[in-house]
Amino acid sequence: MSFWRKEVVAFALDAETRRHMEEQRAWIEREPANALPYCHLAQLYRMEGRQEEAVGLLLEAVRLDARMAAAHVALAEVYAVREDYRAAWHHARLAGESGDSSAVELLKRYGVAE
């Protein structure tokens, strides 16, 4: 990896990601019953490889708003990677019922049995 990519670009991206995380945490503090910042923060955690924390935030998001398709899609993806196909299909179907069939299509495309 080049100096510019490792020392400059990666550092800038890390700083930007941290800034976005702080924005989402502040939003959660202001509006703890709003599912959206939980979902956004979870996606940022997923980018950093913090899967357990991301799952907790996504589950909180769907607890607050059971029809939040984006959170269900993300949960379906996480559970599929973990090979917890029952949970993956559960969240894929809930996302589909909420208007986003992308997780169902993904699971079908890769031949994940229902």
C-alpha atoms as a PDB file:
ATOM      1  CA  MET A   1       0.000   0.000   0.000  1.00  0.00           C
ATOM      2  CA  SER A   2       1.416   3.374  -0.954  1.00  0.00           C
ATOM      3  CA  PHE A   3       2.277   6.063   1.572  1.00  0.00           C
ATOM      4  CA  TRP A   4      -0.530   8.322   0.298  1.00  0.00           C
ATOM      5  CA  ARG A   5      -3.134   5.621   0.514  1.00  0.00           C
ATOM      6  CA  LYS A   6      -2.022   4.266   3.887  1.00  0.00           C
ATOM      7  CA  GLU A   7      -1.055   7.455   5.685  1.00  0.00           C
ATOM      8  CA  VAL A   8      -3.244  10.129   4.117  1.00  0.00           C
ATOM      9  CA  VAL A   9      -6.342   8.592   2.532  1.00  0.00           C
ATOM     10  CA  ALA A  10      -6.957   5.923   5.206  1.00  0.00           C
ATOM     11  CA  PHE A  11      -6.444   8.460   7.996  1.00  0.00           C
ATOM     12  CA  ALA A  12      -8.887  10.900   6.375  1.00  0.00           C
ATOM     13  CA  LEU A  13     -11.503   8.182   5.895  1.00  0.00           C
ATOM     14  CA  ASP A  14     -11.123   7.030   9.498  1.00  0.00           C
ATOM     15  CA  ALA A  15     -11.576  10.587  10.738  1.00  0.00           C
ATOM     16  CA  GLU A  16     -14.640  11.064   8.541  1.00  0.00           C
ATOM     17  CA  THR A  17     -16.146   7.782   9.744  1.00  0.00           C
ATOM     18  CA  ARG A  18     -15.589   8.758  13.383  1.00  0.00           C
ATOM     19  CA  ARG A  19     -17.265  12.117  12.734  1.00  0.00           C
ATOM     20  CA  HIS A  20     -20.311  10.379  11.230  1.00  0.00           C
ATOM     21  CA  MET A  21     -20.451   7.987  14.174  1.00  0.00           C
ATOM     22  CA  GLU A  22     -20.481  10.869  16.621  1.00  0.00           C
ATOM     23  CA  GLU A  23     -23.287  12.522  14.643  1.00  0.00           C
ATOM     24  CA  GLN A  24     -25.381   9.354  14.875  1.00  0.00           C
ATOM     25  CA  ARG A  25     -24.683   8.946  18.610  1.00  0.00           C
ATOM     26  CA  ALA A  26     -25.729  12.557  19.198  1.00  0.00           C
ATOM     27  CA  TRP A  27     -28.914  11.951  17.186  1.00  0.00           C
ATOM     28  CA  ILE A  28     -29.679   8.880  19.322  1.00  0.00           C
ATOM     29  CA  GLU A  29     -29.229  10.978  22.469  1.00  0.00           C
ATOM     30  CA  ARG A  30     -31.624  13.623  21.111  1.00  0.00           C
ATOM     31  CA  GLU A  31     -34.188  11.129  19.778  1.00  0.00           C
ATOM     32  CA  PRO A  32     -33.778   7.744  21.479  1.00  0.00           C
ATOM     33  CA  ALA A  33     -37.060   6.467  20.030  1.00  0.00           C
ATOM     34  CA  ASN A  34     -36.027   7.167  16.422  1.00  0.00           C
ATOM     35  CA  ALA A  35     -34.851   3.965  14.696  1.00  0.00           C
ATOM     36  CA  LEU A  36     -32.967   5.678  11.868  1.00  0.00           C
ATOM     37  CA  PRO A  37     -29.767   6.737  13.688  1.00  0.00           C
ATOM     38  CA  TYR A  38     -29.443   3.239  15.178  1.00  0.00           C
ATOM     39  CA  CYS A  39     -29.528   1.793  11.675  1.00  0.00           C
ATOM     40  CA  HIS A  40     -27.040   4.368  10.357  1.00  0.00           C
ATOM     41  CA  LEU A  41     -24.634   3.804  13.242  1.00  0.00           C
ATOM     42  CA  ALA A  42     -24.884   0.042  12.737  1.00  0.00           C
ATOM     43  CA  GLN A  43     -23.829   0.405   9.104  1.00  0.00           C
ATOM     44  CA  LEU A  44     -20.798   2.427  10.158  1.00  0.00           C
ATOM     45  CA  TYR A  45     -19.921  -0.244  12.733  1.00  0.00           C
ATOM     46  CA  ARG A  46     -20.244  -2.919  10.051  1.00  0.00           C
ATOM     47  CA  MET A  47     -17.754  -1.021   7.903  1.00  0.00           C
ATOM     48  CA  GLU A  48     -15.305  -1.149  10.812  1.00  0.00           C
ATOM     49  CA  GLY A  49     -15.843  -4.868  11.390  1.00  0.00           C
ATOM     50  CA  ARG A  50     -17.712  -4.327  14.664  1.00  0.00           C
ATOM     51  CA  GLN A  51     -20.383  -6.882  13.802  1.00  0.00           C
ATOM     52  CA  GLU A  52     -21.693  -7.643  17.292  1.00  0.00           C
ATOM     53  CA  GLU A  53     -22.282  -3.981  18.063  1.00  0.00           C
ATOM     54  CA  ALA A  54     -23.877  -3.516  14.659  1.00  0.00           C
ATOM     55  CA  VAL A  55     -26.298  -6.396  15.233  1.00  0.00           C
ATOM     56  CA  GLY A  56     -27.332  -4.937  18.583  1.00  0.00           C
ATOM     57  CA  LEU A  57     -28.029  -1.562  16.997  1.00  0.00           C
ATOM     58  CA  LEU A  58     -29.950  -3.138  14.112  1.00  0.00           C
ATOM     59  CA  LEU A  59     -32.077  -5.172  16.499  1.00  0.00           C
ATOM     60  CA  GLU A  60     -32.832  -1.996  18.435  1.00  0.00           C
ATOM     61  CA  ALA A  61     -33.776  -0.264  15.189  1.00  0.00           C
ATOM     62  CA  VAL A  62     -36.300  -2.975  14.265  1.00  0.00           C
ATOM     63  CA  ARG A  63     -37.600  -3.026  17.834  1.00  0.00           C
ATOM     64  CA  LEU A  64     -38.324   0.683  17.515  1.00  0.00           C
ATOM     65  CA  ASP A  65     -39.670   0.401  13.957  1.00  0.00           C
ATOM     66  CA  ALA A  66     -40.602  -3.120  12.883  1.00  0.00           C
ATOM     67  CA  ARG A  67     -41.120  -1.927   9.297  1.00  0.00           C
ATOM     68  CA  MET A  68     -37.612  -0.512   8.845  1.00  0.00           C
ATOM     69  CA  ALA A  69     -36.645  -2.473   5.749  1.00  0.00           C
ATOM     70  CA  ALA A  70     -33.023  -1.258   5.664  1.00  0.00           C
ATOM     71  CA  ALA A  71     -32.341  -2.676   9.125  1.00  0.00           C
ATOM     72  CA  HIS A  72     -33.973  -5.995   8.228  1.00  0.00           C
ATOM     73  CA  VAL A  73     -31.889  -6.214   5.030  1.00  0.00           C
ATOM     74  CA  ALA A  74     -28.707  -5.528   6.994  1.00  0.00           C
ATOM     75  CA  LEU A  75     -29.645  -8.169   9.575  1.00  0.00           C
ATOM     76  CA  ALA A  76     -30.355 -10.677   6.802  1.00  0.00           C
ATOM     77  CA  GLU A  77     -26.905  -9.991   5.355  1.00  0.00           C
ATOM     78  CA  VAL A  78     -25.148 -10.379   8.705  1.00  0.00           C
ATOM     79  CA  TYR A  79     -26.986 -13.581   9.563  1.00  0.00           C
ATOM     80  CA  ALA A  80     -26.338 -15.041   6.097  1.00  0.00           C
ATOM     81  CA  VAL A  81     -22.597 -14.457   6.506  1.00  0.00           C
ATOM     82  CA  ARG A  82     -22.793 -16.147   9.920  1.00  0.00           C
ATOM     83  CA  GLU A  83     -24.640 -19.046   8.264  1.00  0.00           C
ATOM     84  CA  ASP A  84     -27.666 -18.488  10.502  1.00  0.00           C
ATOM     85  CA  TYR A  85     -29.967 -18.968   7.542  1.00  0.00           C
ATOM     86  CA  ARG A  86     -33.158 -19.214   9.558  1.00  0.00           C
ATOM     87  CA  ALA A  87     -32.578 -15.719  10.996  1.00  0.00           C
ATOM     88  CA  ALA A  88     -31.418 -14.437   7.597  1.00  0.00           C
ATOM     89  CA  TRP A  89     -34.642 -15.574   5.939  1.00  0.00           C
ATOM     90  CA  HIS A  90     -36.727 -14.196   8.801  1.00  0.00           C
ATOM     91  CA  HIS A  91     -35.315 -10.698   8.345  1.00  0.00           C
ATOM     92  CA  ALA A  92     -35.300 -10.983   4.541  1.00  0.00           C
ATOM     93  CA  ARG A  93     -39.021 -11.720   4.582  1.00  0.00           C
ATOM     94  CA  LEU A  94     -39.724  -8.859   6.990  1.00  0.00           C
ATOM     95  CA  ALA A  95     -37.759  -6.516   4.714  1.00  0.00           C
ATOM     96  CA  GLY A  96     -39.811  -7.772   1.760  1.00  0.00           C
ATOM     97  CA  GLU A  97     -43.047  -7.135   3.626  1.00  0.00           C
ATOM     98  CA  SER A  98     -41.784  -3.600   4.209  1.00  0.00           C
ATOM     99  CA  GLY A  99     -41.106  -3.038   0.514  1.00  0.00           C
ATOM    100  CA  ASP A 100     -37.476  -4.108   0.016  1.00  0.00           C
ATOM    101  CA  SER A 101     -37.039  -7.522  -1.591  1.00  0.00           C
ATOM    102  CA  SER A 102     -33.263  -7.225  -2.071  1.00  0.00           C
ATOM    103  CA  ALA A 103     -32.399  -9.582   0.809  1.00  0.00           C
ATOM    104  CA  VAL A 104     -34.819 -12.245  -0.440  1.00  0.00           C
ATOM    105  CA  GLU A 105     -33.318 -11.918  -3.917  1.00  0.00           C
ATOM    106  CA  LEU A 106     -29.800 -12.168  -2.484  1.00  0.00           C
ATOM    107  CA  LEU A 107     -30.566 -15.331  -0.528  1.00  0.00           C
ATOM    108  CA  LYS A 108     -32.268 -16.926  -3.533  1.00  0.00           C
ATOM    109  CA  ARG A 109     -29.419 -15.945  -5.858  1.00  0.00           C
ATOM    110  CA  TYR A 110     -26.913 -17.711  -3.629  1.00  0.00           C
ATOM    111  CA  GLY A 111     -29.128 -20.750  -3.148  1.00  0.00           C
ATOM    112  CA  VAL A 112     -29.691 -20.320   0.572  1.00  0.00           C
ATOM    113  CA  ALA A 113     -32.378 -22.810   1.528  1.00  0.00           C
ATOM    114  CA  GLU A 114     -35.439 -21.488   3.307  1.00  0.00           C
END
